[in-house]
Amino acid sequence: MGLLAKLVGANQRMSRMFALTGADRQIASIGEAEIRSAQARCASCTDTDACERFLETSGPFAVRPAYCRNRALIDRLTAE
């Protein structure tokens, strides 16, 4: 898989994860640098297959999975 495809896939998964967990409701409260850091964490994930399964099988406002590298950010955004 090429770098561009990996980055696009990571951004799509991150957007879906934030929407599924409800973190997207507070995304405007963080800065661009923090969003880029979240994208980089997602792009470096080694659990993409598990993430895809989670995204396909979980309902709205799901609790983020333990392996998610953005779990602290998601937790913070969903607590606000």
N, C-alpha and C. Protein backbone atom coordinates (compact mmCIF):
# COMPACT_ATOMS: atom_id res chain seq x y z
N MET A 1 0.86 -1.18 0.00
CA MET A 1 0.00 0.00 0.00
C MET A 1 0.90 1.23 0.00
N GLY A 2 0.59 2.17 -0.86
CA GLY A 2 1.36 3.40 -0.94
C GLY A 2 1.08 4.32 0.22
N LEU A 3 1.99 5.25 0.43
CA LEU A 3 1.87 6.19 1.54
C LEU A 3 0.59 7.01 1.46
N LEU A 4 0.26 7.51 0.28
CA LEU A 4 -0.95 8.33 0.14
C LEU A 4 -2.20 7.52 0.48
N ALA A 5 -2.27 6.29 0.00
CA ALA A 5 -3.43 5.44 0.30
C ALA A 5 -3.52 5.16 1.79
N LYS A 6 -2.37 4.96 2.44
CA LYS A 6 -2.36 4.71 3.88
C LYS A 6 -2.86 5.94 4.63
N LEU A 7 -2.42 7.12 4.24
CA LEU A 7 -2.85 8.35 4.90
C LEU A 7 -4.34 8.61 4.71
N VAL A 8 -4.81 8.38 3.48
CA VAL A 8 -6.24 8.57 3.20
C VAL A 8 -7.07 7.60 4.03
N GLY A 9 -6.65 6.34 4.07
CA GLY A 9 -7.37 5.34 4.87
C GLY A 9 -7.38 5.70 6.34
N ALA A 10 -6.26 6.16 6.85
CA ALA A 10 -6.17 6.56 8.26
C ALA A 10 -7.09 7.73 8.55
N ASN A 11 -7.12 8.72 7.67
CA ASN A 11 -8.00 9.87 7.88
C ASN A 11 -9.47 9.46 7.84
N GLN A 12 -9.81 8.54 6.96
CA GLN A 12 -11.19 8.07 6.89
C GLN A 12 -11.57 7.32 8.17
N ARG A 13 -10.68 6.44 8.63
CA ARG A 13 -10.96 5.70 9.87
C ARG A 13 -11.07 6.66 11.05
N MET A 14 -10.17 7.65 11.12
CA MET A 14 -10.21 8.60 12.23
C MET A 14 -11.54 9.38 12.21
N SER A 15 -11.95 9.83 11.06
CA SER A 15 -13.22 10.57 10.96
C SER A 15 -14.39 9.70 11.40
N ARG A 16 -14.38 8.46 10.95
CA ARG A 16 -15.46 7.54 11.33
C ARG A 16 -15.43 7.25 12.83
N MET A 17 -14.23 7.07 13.40
CA MET A 17 -14.11 6.79 14.83
C MET A 17 -14.61 7.98 15.64
N PHE A 18 -14.22 9.19 15.25
CA PHE A 18 -14.67 10.37 15.97
C PHE A 18 -16.19 10.53 15.86
N ALA A 19 -16.75 10.26 14.71
CA ALA A 19 -18.21 10.36 14.55
C ALA A 19 -18.92 9.29 15.37
N LEU A 20 -18.40 8.07 15.33
CA LEU A 20 -19.03 6.96 16.02
C LEU A 20 -19.02 7.15 17.53
N THR A 21 -17.95 7.69 18.07
CA THR A 21 -17.83 7.87 19.52
C THR A 21 -18.45 9.17 20.00
N GLY A 22 -18.82 10.05 19.08
CA GLY A 22 -19.38 11.35 19.45
C GLY A 22 -18.33 12.42 19.66
N ALA A 23 -17.05 12.08 19.48
CA ALA A 23 -15.97 13.05 19.68
C ALA A 23 -16.01 14.16 18.63
N ASP A 24 -16.63 13.89 17.49
CA ASP A 24 -16.69 14.90 16.43
C ASP A 24 -17.47 16.13 16.85
N ARG A 25 -18.31 16.00 17.84
CA ARG A 25 -19.11 17.15 18.30
C ARG A 25 -18.25 18.23 18.93
N GLN A 26 -17.08 17.87 19.41
CA GLN A 26 -16.19 18.82 20.09
C GLN A 26 -14.90 19.07 19.31
N ILE A 27 -14.78 18.56 18.11
CA ILE A 27 -13.53 18.65 17.36
C ILE A 27 -13.12 20.10 17.11
N ALA A 28 -14.08 21.00 17.01
CA ALA A 28 -13.76 22.41 16.77
C ALA A 28 -13.07 23.05 17.98
N SER A 29 -13.12 22.37 19.13
CA SER A 29 -12.52 22.94 20.33
C SER A 29 -11.02 22.69 20.43
N ILE A 30 -10.47 21.91 19.50
CA ILE A 30 -9.02 21.66 19.54
C ILE A 30 -8.38 22.33 18.34
N GLY A 31 -7.11 22.56 18.44
CA GLY A 31 -6.38 23.26 17.38
C GLY A 31 -5.96 22.36 16.24
N GLU A 32 -5.52 22.99 15.18
CA GLU A 32 -5.08 22.28 13.99
C GLU A 32 -3.89 21.37 14.28
N ALA A 33 -2.98 21.82 15.13
CA ALA A 33 -1.81 21.00 15.46
C ALA A 33 -2.22 19.71 16.16
N GLU A 34 -3.22 19.80 17.03
CA GLU A 34 -3.68 18.59 17.72
C GLU A 34 -4.40 17.65 16.76
N ILE A 35 -5.11 18.20 15.80
CA ILE A 35 -5.75 17.36 14.79
C ILE A 35 -4.70 16.65 13.95
N ARG A 36 -3.65 17.35 13.56
CA ARG A 36 -2.56 16.72 12.79
C ARG A 36 -1.89 15.62 13.61
N SER A 37 -1.72 15.84 14.89
CA SER A 37 -1.13 14.81 15.76
C SER A 37 -2.04 13.58 15.82
N ALA A 38 -3.34 13.82 15.89
CA ALA A 38 -4.29 12.70 15.90
C ALA A 38 -4.23 11.93 14.59
N GLN A 39 -4.12 12.65 13.49
CA GLN A 39 -4.00 12.00 12.18
C GLN A 39 -2.73 11.15 12.12
N ALA A 40 -1.63 11.68 12.65
CA ALA A 40 -0.37 10.94 12.64
C ALA A 40 -0.47 9.69 13.51
N ARG A 41 -1.12 9.80 14.66
CA ARG A 41 -1.29 8.62 15.51
C ARG A 41 -2.11 7.56 14.79
N CYS A 42 -3.16 7.97 14.13
CA CYS A 42 -4.00 7.02 13.39
C CYS A 42 -3.22 6.39 12.23
N ALA A 43 -2.44 7.18 11.53
CA ALA A 43 -1.67 6.67 10.39
C ALA A 43 -0.61 5.68 10.84
N SER A 44 -0.15 5.77 12.09
CA SER A 44 0.86 4.85 12.58
C SER A 44 0.27 3.62 13.27
N CYS A 45 -1.04 3.48 13.26
CA CYS A 45 -1.73 2.37 13.91
C CYS A 45 -1.37 1.04 13.26
N THR A 46 -1.19 0.04 14.10
CA THR A 46 -0.92 -1.31 13.60
C THR A 46 -2.14 -2.22 13.73
N ASP A 47 -3.26 -1.66 14.19
CA ASP A 47 -4.49 -2.44 14.38
C ASP A 47 -5.58 -2.01 13.41
N THR A 48 -5.22 -1.73 12.18
CA THR A 48 -6.21 -1.21 11.22
C THR A 48 -7.31 -2.21 10.93
N ASP A 49 -7.01 -3.51 10.88
CA ASP A 49 -8.06 -4.49 10.63
C ASP A 49 -9.06 -4.53 11.77
N ALA A 50 -8.56 -4.51 12.99
CA ALA A 50 -9.44 -4.49 14.16
C ALA A 50 -10.26 -3.20 14.19
N CYS A 51 -9.64 -2.10 13.81
CA CYS A 51 -10.34 -0.82 13.76
C CYS A 51 -11.47 -0.86 12.74
N GLU A 52 -11.19 -1.39 11.57
CA GLU A 52 -12.23 -1.50 10.54
C GLU A 52 -13.40 -2.35 11.04
N ARG A 53 -13.09 -3.47 11.69
CA ARG A 53 -14.17 -4.33 12.24
C ARG A 53 -14.97 -3.58 13.29
N PHE A 54 -14.29 -2.84 14.17
CA PHE A 54 -14.97 -2.06 15.19
C PHE A 54 -15.90 -1.04 14.54
N LEU A 55 -15.39 -0.33 13.56
CA LEU A 55 -16.18 0.71 12.90
C LEU A 55 -17.38 0.13 12.17
N GLU A 56 -17.24 -1.07 11.63
CA GLU A 56 -18.33 -1.71 10.90
C GLU A 56 -19.39 -2.30 11.81
N THR A 57 -19.03 -2.66 13.04
CA THR A 57 -19.96 -3.40 13.89
C THR A 57 -20.48 -2.63 15.10
N SER A 58 -19.96 -1.46 15.35
CA SER A 58 -20.36 -0.70 16.54
C SER A 58 -21.44 0.31 16.21
N GLY A 59 -22.27 0.60 17.21
CA GLY A 59 -23.33 1.57 17.04
C GLY A 59 -22.90 2.96 17.47
N PRO A 60 -23.81 3.92 17.31
CA PRO A 60 -23.51 5.31 17.69
C PRO A 60 -23.09 5.44 19.15
N PHE A 61 -22.17 6.34 19.39
CA PHE A 61 -21.63 6.66 20.71
C PHE A 61 -20.98 5.45 21.37
N ALA A 62 -20.34 4.63 20.54
CA ALA A 62 -19.60 3.47 21.05
C ALA A 62 -18.42 3.93 21.88
N VAL A 63 -18.04 3.11 22.83
CA VAL A 63 -16.84 3.39 23.63
C VAL A 63 -15.65 2.99 22.79
N ARG A 64 -14.70 3.88 22.68
CA ARG A 64 -13.55 3.65 21.81
C ARG A 64 -12.80 2.40 22.27
N PRO A 65 -12.20 1.68 21.34
CA PRO A 65 -11.47 0.47 21.71
C PRO A 65 -10.15 0.80 22.42
N ALA A 66 -9.70 -0.13 23.24
CA ALA A 66 -8.50 0.08 24.04
C ALA A 66 -7.25 0.29 23.20
N TYR A 67 -7.20 -0.30 22.01
CA TYR A 67 -6.00 -0.18 21.17
C TYR A 67 -5.91 1.14 20.43
N CYS A 68 -6.95 1.95 20.46
CA CYS A 68 -6.97 3.19 19.68
C CYS A 68 -5.93 4.17 20.21
N ARG A 69 -5.07 4.62 19.33
CA ARG A 69 -4.01 5.54 19.72
C ARG A 69 -4.53 6.95 19.99
N ASN A 70 -5.78 7.20 19.65
CA ASN A 70 -6.40 8.50 19.93
C ASN A 70 -7.40 8.40 21.08
N ARG A 71 -7.30 7.34 21.87
CA ARG A 71 -8.29 7.14 22.93
C ARG A 71 -8.29 8.26 23.97
N ALA A 72 -7.13 8.78 24.32
CA ALA A 72 -7.09 9.87 25.31
C ALA A 72 -7.78 11.12 24.76
N LEU A 73 -7.54 11.43 23.50
CA LEU A 73 -8.20 12.58 22.88
C LEU A 73 -9.70 12.35 22.77
N ILE A 74 -10.09 11.17 22.34
CA ILE A 74 -11.53 10.85 22.24
C ILE A 74 -12.18 10.96 23.61
N ASP A 75 -11.54 10.38 24.61
CA ASP A 75 -12.09 10.46 25.98
C ASP A 75 -12.25 11.90 26.42
N ARG A 76 -11.24 12.71 26.17
CA ARG A 76 -11.31 14.13 26.56
C ARG A 76 -12.44 14.85 25.82
N LEU A 77 -12.56 14.60 24.53
CA LEU A 77 -13.59 15.30 23.74
C LEU A 77 -14.99 14.83 24.11
N THR A 78 -15.15 13.58 24.45
CA THR A 78 -16.49 13.08 24.78
C THR A 78 -16.86 13.41 26.21
N ALA A 79 -15.90 13.80 27.04
CA ALA A 79 -16.19 14.20 28.42
C ALA A 79 -16.64 15.65 28.50
N GLU A 80 -16.35 16.44 27.45
CA GLU A 80 -16.69 17.87 27.48
C GLU A 80 -18.16 18.09 27.25
